[in-house]
Amino acid sequence: MARRTLIPRHIPSSSQPADIFTKPLPKDAFILFRNKLCVHLIFIPTAA
């Protein structure tokens, strides 16, 4: 069996969609990560 090596690499916060669950984000970052996670805002107006 071939030996494999795992090399961890730094991922900057600007590329980390999990941040949406762990910290407050600026609106632009929140929308970017929300879209990357395929979460869509569905607004259904209610009758007044």
PDB file of N, CA and C in Angstrom:
ATOM      1  N   MET A   1       0.843  -1.175   0.000  1.00  0.00           N
ATOM      2  CA  MET A   1       0.000   0.000   0.000  1.00  0.00           C
ATOM      3  C   MET A   1       0.890   1.240   0.000  1.00  0.00           C
ATOM      4  N   ALA A   2       0.576   2.180  -0.857  1.00  0.00           N
ATOM      5  CA  ALA A   2       1.363   3.415  -0.940  1.00  0.00           C
ATOM      6  C   ALA A   2       1.091   4.289   0.277  1.00  0.00           C
ATOM      7  N   ARG A   3       2.135   4.916   0.748  1.00  0.00           N
ATOM      8  CA  ARG A   3       1.990   5.825   1.884  1.00  0.00           C
ATOM      9  C   ARG A   3       1.573   7.198   1.355  1.00  0.00           C
ATOM     10  N   ARG A   4       0.553   7.769   1.965  1.00  0.00           N
ATOM     11  CA  ARG A   4       0.073   9.083   1.547  1.00  0.00           C
ATOM     12  C   ARG A   4       0.344  10.083   2.655  1.00  0.00           C
ATOM     13  N   THR A   5       0.602  11.305   2.248  1.00  0.00           N
ATOM     14  CA  THR A   5       0.888  12.362   3.210  1.00  0.00           C
ATOM     15  C   THR A   5      -0.168  13.452   3.064  1.00  0.00           C
ATOM     16  N   LEU A   6      -0.719  13.841   4.184  1.00  0.00           N
ATOM     17  CA  LEU A   6      -1.683  14.933   4.204  1.00  0.00           C
ATOM     18  C   LEU A   6      -0.942  16.213   4.556  1.00  0.00           C
ATOM     19  N   ILE A   7      -1.073  17.204   3.708  1.00  0.00           N
ATOM     20  CA  ILE A   7      -0.405  18.481   3.944  1.00  0.00           C
ATOM     21  C   ILE A   7      -1.490  19.532   4.199  1.00  0.00           C
ATOM     22  N   PRO A   8      -1.675  19.935   5.466  1.00  0.00           N
ATOM     23  CA  PRO A   8      -2.686  20.963   5.753  1.00  0.00           C
ATOM     24  C   PRO A   8      -2.258  22.317   5.182  1.00  0.00           C
ATOM     25  N   ARG A   9      -3.210  23.039   4.673  1.00  0.00           N
ATOM     26  CA  ARG A   9      -2.933  24.360   4.117  1.00  0.00           C
ATOM     27  C   ARG A   9      -3.850  25.379   4.757  1.00  0.00           C
ATOM     28  N   HIS A  10      -3.330  26.578   4.888  1.00  0.00           N
ATOM     29  CA  HIS A  10      -4.105  27.673   5.465  1.00  0.00           C
ATOM     30  C   HIS A  10      -5.187  28.106   4.474  1.00  0.00           C
ATOM     31  N   ILE A  11      -6.399  28.276   4.963  1.00  0.00           N
ATOM     32  CA  ILE A  11      -7.487  28.821   4.150  1.00  0.00           C
ATOM     33  C   ILE A  11      -7.873  30.153   4.779  1.00  0.00           C
ATOM     34  N   PRO A  12      -7.710  31.249   4.049  1.00  0.00           N
ATOM     35  CA  PRO A  12      -8.037  32.553   4.619  1.00  0.00           C
ATOM     36  C   PRO A  12      -9.533  32.664   4.922  1.00  0.00           C
ATOM     37  N   SER A  13      -9.860  33.466   5.877  1.00  0.00           N
ATOM     38  CA  SER A  13     -11.246  33.650   6.283  1.00  0.00           C
ATOM     39  C   SER A  13     -12.104  34.112   5.113  1.00  0.00           C
ATOM     40  N   SER A  14     -11.536  34.834   4.188  1.00  0.00           N
ATOM     41  CA  SER A  14     -12.311  35.318   3.040  1.00  0.00           C
ATOM     42  C   SER A  14     -12.768  34.185   2.121  1.00  0.00           C
ATOM     43  N   SER A  15     -12.208  32.984   2.316  1.00  0.00           N
ATOM     44  CA  SER A  15     -12.584  31.824   1.505  1.00  0.00           C
ATOM     45  C   SER A  15     -13.215  30.720   2.345  1.00  0.00           C
ATOM     46  N   GLN A  16     -13.702  31.044   3.519  1.00  0.00           N
ATOM     47  CA  GLN A  16     -14.186  30.044   4.459  1.00  0.00           C
ATOM     48  C   GLN A  16     -15.694  30.199   4.699  1.00  0.00           C
ATOM     49  N   PRO A  17     -16.533  29.528   3.900  1.00  0.00           N
ATOM     50  CA  PRO A  17     -17.979  29.679   4.066  1.00  0.00           C
ATOM     51  C   PRO A  17     -18.492  29.290   5.454  1.00  0.00           C
ATOM     52  N   ALA A  18     -17.773  28.460   6.186  1.00  0.00           N
ATOM     53  CA  ALA A  18     -18.224  28.075   7.529  1.00  0.00           C
ATOM     54  C   ALA A  18     -18.295  29.283   8.461  1.00  0.00           C
ATOM     55  N   ASP A  19     -17.606  30.361   8.129  1.00  0.00           N
ATOM     56  CA  ASP A  19     -17.649  31.564   8.963  1.00  0.00           C
ATOM     57  C   ASP A  19     -19.063  32.118   9.102  1.00  0.00           C
ATOM     58  N   ILE A  20     -19.930  31.810   8.151  1.00  0.00           N
ATOM     59  CA  ILE A  20     -21.304  32.310   8.215  1.00  0.00           C
ATOM     60  C   ILE A  20     -22.007  31.774   9.462  1.00  0.00           C
ATOM     61  N   PHE A  21     -21.567  30.621   9.971  1.00  0.00           N
ATOM     62  CA  PHE A  21     -22.190  30.005  11.142  1.00  0.00           C
ATOM     63  C   PHE A  21     -21.505  30.383  12.456  1.00  0.00           C
ATOM     64  N   THR A  22     -20.318  30.974  12.378  1.00  0.00           N
ATOM     65  CA  THR A  22     -19.529  31.151  13.596  1.00  0.00           C
ATOM     66  C   THR A  22     -19.237  32.588  13.997  1.00  0.00           C
ATOM     67  N   LYS A  23     -19.496  33.549  13.107  1.00  0.00           N
ATOM     68  CA  LYS A  23     -19.165  34.937  13.459  1.00  0.00           C
ATOM     69  C   LYS A  23     -20.012  35.919  12.662  1.00  0.00           C
ATOM     70  N   PRO A  24     -20.176  37.108  13.189  1.00  0.00           N
ATOM     71  CA  PRO A  24     -20.880  38.130  12.413  1.00  0.00           C
ATOM     72  C   PRO A  24     -20.020  38.545  11.213  1.00  0.00           C
ATOM     73  N   LEU A  25     -20.655  38.709  10.083  1.00  0.00           N
ATOM     74  CA  LEU A  25     -19.931  39.066   8.868  1.00  0.00           C
ATOM     75  C   LEU A  25     -20.506  40.348   8.271  1.00  0.00           C
ATOM     76  N   PRO A  26     -19.675  41.075   7.523  1.00  0.00           N
ATOM     77  CA  PRO A  26     -20.214  42.210   6.764  1.00  0.00           C
ATOM     78  C   PRO A  26     -21.248  41.691   5.757  1.00  0.00           C
ATOM     79  N   LYS A  27     -22.178  42.530   5.376  1.00  0.00           N
ATOM     80  CA  LYS A  27     -23.279  42.122   4.507  1.00  0.00           C
ATOM     81  C   LYS A  27     -22.780  41.447   3.229  1.00  0.00           C
ATOM     82  N   ASP A  28     -21.767  42.016   2.570  1.00  0.00           N
ATOM     83  CA  ASP A  28     -21.275  41.450   1.309  1.00  0.00           C
ATOM     84  C   ASP A  28     -20.735  40.033   1.501  1.00  0.00           C
ATOM     85  N   ALA A  29     -19.963  39.809   2.565  1.00  0.00           N
ATOM     86  CA  ALA A  29     -19.419  38.475   2.838  1.00  0.00           C
ATOM     87  C   ALA A  29     -20.539  37.497   3.167  1.00  0.00           C
ATOM     88  N   PHE A  30     -21.521  37.948   3.951  1.00  0.00           N
ATOM     89  CA  PHE A  30     -22.648  37.094   4.307  1.00  0.00           C
ATOM     90  C   PHE A  30     -23.385  36.631   3.054  1.00  0.00           C
ATOM     91  N   ILE A  31     -23.668  37.559   2.142  1.00  0.00           N
ATOM     92  CA  ILE A  31     -24.387  37.220   0.917  1.00  0.00           C
ATOM     93  C   ILE A  31     -23.563  36.277   0.040  1.00  0.00           C
ATOM     94  N   LEU A  32     -22.267  36.536  -0.070  1.00  0.00           N
ATOM     95  CA  LEU A  32     -21.381  35.670  -0.854  1.00  0.00           C
ATOM     96  C   LEU A  32     -21.401  34.240  -0.317  1.00  0.00           C
ATOM     97  N   PHE A  33     -21.200  34.077   0.994  1.00  0.00           N
ATOM     98  CA  PHE A  33     -21.175  32.735   1.575  1.00  0.00           C
ATOM     99  C   PHE A  33     -22.552  32.083   1.527  1.00  0.00           C
ATOM    100  N   ARG A  34     -23.599  32.866   1.740  1.00  0.00           N
ATOM    101  CA  ARG A  34     -24.961  32.326   1.659  1.00  0.00           C
ATOM    102  C   ARG A  34     -25.201  31.757   0.264  1.00  0.00           C
ATOM    103  N   ASN A  35     -24.756  32.473  -0.763  1.00  0.00           N
ATOM    104  CA  ASN A  35     -24.919  31.996  -2.131  1.00  0.00           C
ATOM    105  C   ASN A  35     -24.063  30.759  -2.407  1.00  0.00           C
ATOM    106  N   LYS A  36     -22.850  30.721  -1.869  1.00  0.00           N
ATOM    107  CA  LYS A  36     -21.988  29.541  -2.050  1.00  0.00           C
ATOM    108  C   LYS A  36     -22.612  28.303  -1.428  1.00  0.00           C
ATOM    109  N   LEU A  37     -23.372  28.491  -0.354  1.00  0.00           N
ATOM    110  CA  LEU A  37     -24.036  27.371   0.318  1.00  0.00           C
ATOM    111  C   LEU A  37     -25.403  27.059  -0.311  1.00  0.00           C
ATOM    112  N   CYS A  38     -25.744  27.773  -1.383  1.00  0.00           N
ATOM    113  CA  CYS A  38     -27.011  27.575  -2.111  1.00  0.00           C
ATOM    114  C   CYS A  38     -28.230  27.793  -1.219  1.00  0.00           C
ATOM    115  N   VAL A  39     -28.134  28.767  -0.331  1.00  0.00           N
ATOM    116  CA  VAL A  39     -29.265  29.154   0.501  1.00  0.00           C
ATOM    117  C   VAL A  39     -29.877  30.390  -0.138  1.00  0.00           C
ATOM    118  N   HIS A  40     -31.169  30.336  -0.387  1.00  0.00           N
ATOM    119  CA  HIS A  40     -31.835  31.439  -1.071  1.00  0.00           C
ATOM    120  C   HIS A  40     -32.872  32.068  -0.158  1.00  0.00           C
ATOM    121  N   LEU A  41     -32.973  33.355  -0.236  1.00  0.00           N
ATOM    122  CA  LEU A  41     -33.978  34.099   0.520  1.00  0.00           C
ATOM    123  C   LEU A  41     -35.297  33.994  -0.215  1.00  0.00           C
ATOM    124  N   ILE A  42     -36.291  33.456   0.462  1.00  0.00           N
ATOM    125  CA  ILE A  42     -37.622  33.342  -0.130  1.00  0.00           C
ATOM    126  C   ILE A  42     -38.545  34.241   0.675  1.00  0.00           C
ATOM    127  N   PHE A  43     -39.073  35.242   0.017  1.00  0.00           N
ATOM    128  CA  PHE A  43     -39.954  36.183   0.689  1.00  0.00           C
ATOM    129  C   PHE A  43     -41.360  36.000   0.150  1.00  0.00           C
ATOM    130  N   ILE A  44     -42.275  35.703   1.022  1.00  0.00           N
ATOM    131  CA  ILE A  44     -43.677  35.580   0.641  1.00  0.00           C
ATOM    132  C   ILE A  44     -44.440  36.629   1.414  1.00  0.00           C
ATOM    133  N   PRO A  45     -44.909  37.666   0.729  1.00  0.00           N
ATOM    134  CA  PRO A  45     -45.625  38.728   1.451  1.00  0.00           C
ATOM    135  C   PRO A  45     -46.938  38.193   2.032  1.00  0.00           C
ATOM    136  N   THR A  46     -47.260  38.669   3.201  1.00  0.00           N
ATOM    137  CA  THR A  46     -48.514  38.272   3.836  1.00  0.00           C
ATOM    138  C   THR A  46     -49.568  39.310   3.539  1.00  0.00           C
ATOM    139  N   ALA A  47     -50.800  38.883   3.525  1.00  0.00           N
ATOM    140  CA  ALA A  47     -51.909  39.819   3.286  1.00  0.00           C
ATOM    141  C   ALA A  47     -52.041  40.764   4.467  1.00  0.00           C
ATOM    142  N   ALA A  48     -52.285  42.024   4.180  1.00  0.00           N
ATOM    143  CA  ALA A  48     -52.391  43.020   5.236  1.00  0.00           C
ATOM    144  C   ALA A  48     -53.777  43.079   5.826  1.00  0.00           C
TER     145      ALA A  48
END
